[in-house]
Protein backbone atom coordinates (compact mmCIF):
# COMPACT_ATOMS: atom_id res chain seq x y z
CA MET A 1 137.87 162.96 113.62
CA VAL A 2 135.07 160.74 114.97
CA LEU A 3 132.54 159.61 112.82
CA CYS A 4 129.33 158.74 114.79
CA LEU A 5 126.57 156.77 112.83
CA GLY A 6 123.05 157.22 113.88
CA THR A 7 122.51 153.67 114.48
CA SER A 8 120.47 152.18 117.10
CA VAL A 9 119.70 148.51 118.13
CA PRO A 10 115.99 147.85 118.30
CA ALA A 11 114.46 146.83 121.67
CA MET A 12 113.42 143.11 122.09
CA ASP A 13 110.24 141.93 123.52
CA ARG A 14 110.32 139.89 126.81
CA TRP A 15 110.33 136.60 125.29
CA ALA A 16 112.95 137.30 122.79
CA ALA A 17 115.16 138.74 125.69
CA LEU A 18 114.63 135.96 128.08
CA SER A 19 115.90 133.49 125.23
CA MET A 20 118.88 135.48 124.74
CA ILE A 21 119.63 135.77 128.32
CA GLU A 22 118.96 132.24 129.32
CA SER A 23 120.54 130.41 126.12
CA GLY A 24 121.60 132.72 123.76
CA ASP A 25 118.73 131.79 121.55
CA ASN A 26 119.94 128.21 121.66
CA ASP A 27 117.15 125.84 121.11
CA ARG A 28 119.51 122.64 122.24
CA ALA A 29 120.84 124.19 125.30
CA ILE A 30 121.06 121.95 128.39
CA GLY A 31 121.65 123.68 131.74
CA PRO A 32 123.51 122.27 134.59
CA GLY A 33 120.65 121.42 136.33
CA GLY A 34 119.05 119.73 133.36
CA GLU A 35 117.04 122.73 131.97
CA ILE A 36 116.04 122.50 128.62
CA SER A 37 114.98 124.66 125.55
CA ARG A 38 115.99 128.14 124.60
CA PHE A 39 114.36 129.40 127.91
CA GLN A 40 116.23 126.89 130.10
CA ILE A 41 113.21 125.41 131.69
CA ARG A 42 113.66 123.07 134.69
CA PRO A 43 112.75 119.46 133.48
CA GLU A 44 109.92 118.95 136.34
CA LEU A 45 108.41 121.95 134.92
CA TRP A 46 108.38 121.08 131.41
CA PRO A 47 104.85 120.37 130.15
CA GLY A 48 105.93 117.96 127.29
CA GLY A 49 106.66 118.36 123.47
CA ASP A 50 109.86 119.14 121.71
CA PRO A 51 112.02 121.46 123.86
CA THR A 52 114.01 122.09 120.61
CA ASN A 53 111.00 123.74 118.69
CA ALA A 54 110.96 127.53 119.56
CA GLN A 55 107.20 127.71 119.30
CA THR A 56 106.86 125.07 121.68
CA ALA A 57 109.29 126.24 124.16
CA LEU A 58 107.63 129.72 124.05
CA ALA A 59 104.11 128.06 124.74
CA ALA A 60 105.95 126.22 127.65
CA ALA A 61 107.41 129.30 129.03
CA GLN A 62 104.28 131.61 128.68
CA GLN A 63 102.23 128.83 130.47
CA ILE A 64 104.88 128.46 133.44
CA MET A 65 104.88 132.48 133.71
CA LEU A 66 101.09 133.12 133.72
CA PRO A 67 100.39 132.03 137.27
CA ARG A 68 103.56 133.86 138.42
CA LEU A 69 102.60 136.81 136.81
CA GLU A 70 98.82 136.61 138.18
CA GLU A 71 100.20 136.32 141.82
CA PHE A 72 102.57 139.27 141.22
CA LYS A 73 99.45 141.63 140.12
CA LEU A 74 97.56 140.33 143.00
CA SER A 75 99.98 140.72 145.52
CA HIS A 76 101.57 144.20 144.25
CA GLN A 77 98.27 145.79 142.47
CA ARG A 78 100.47 146.33 139.42
CA LEU A 79 102.07 144.68 136.45
CA PRO A 80 105.79 143.84 137.14
CA THR A 81 108.65 145.78 135.41
CA ASP A 82 110.92 144.06 133.11
CA PHE A 83 113.37 144.00 135.84
CA GLU A 84 110.67 142.09 137.99
CA PHE A 85 109.43 139.81 135.10
CA TYR A 86 113.04 138.52 134.80
CA ILE A 87 113.12 137.81 138.48
CA LEU A 88 109.77 136.01 138.53
CA TRP A 89 111.08 133.78 135.45
CA ASN A 90 114.73 132.93 137.13
CA ALA A 91 113.75 133.03 140.92
CA PRO A 92 110.41 134.00 141.71
CA TRP A 93 110.61 133.83 145.41
CA GLN A 94 113.40 136.54 145.29
CA VAL A 95 110.97 139.24 143.40
CA ASP A 96 110.90 141.40 146.32
CA HIS A 97 114.66 140.79 147.43
CA PRO A 98 116.70 139.66 144.64
CA SER A 99 120.23 138.30 145.29
CA ALA A 100 123.22 140.04 143.66
CA ILE A 101 123.49 137.49 140.86
CA VAL A 102 119.80 137.49 140.03
CA THR A 103 119.89 141.20 140.12
CA ASP A 104 122.72 141.54 137.71
CA ARG A 105 120.93 139.20 135.31
CA ALA A 106 117.76 141.17 135.71
CA ARG A 107 119.53 144.38 134.91
CA ARG A 108 121.03 142.88 131.83
CA PHE A 109 117.42 141.54 130.72
CA SER A 110 115.91 144.80 131.11
CA ASN A 111 118.75 146.63 129.18
CA LEU A 112 118.01 144.19 126.16
CA ILE A 113 114.39 145.36 126.18
CA GLN A 114 114.76 149.15 126.67
CA ARG A 115 117.54 149.66 124.14
C-alpha cells in the first residue's frame, strides 16, 4: 500500500530561486571567477557595500538586472519568461540562443519557480 500525502512545495519568486541556483543561499559564497554574494555577482559589477548582507546583495542584483530587463522588453516587445530571466542573469548575450549548460541551469531555475 502506498500512502501519498498531499504535500506541495511552494513556488519561489525569481530572486529566491536565483539565490538558490547561484549559491544555495550562501551569503559568503565566492565563485571561481571571484563572484560574490548569494547571487554570485562578478566583482566588476558589484556596486559596493557588504556582499554578505542579503538585502545589499538583493539590491545589487536588482540594479544589475534592471537595464537587462528593459533592453529585453524593448527588443522582444514583452517581458522575459522565467527561463529567459535566468539567461539574462547568467549569460545575457545568449538570451536568444543559450548554450546547453545555460539551458540546463535556466530549466532548473524555472522549475524552482513553477513548483
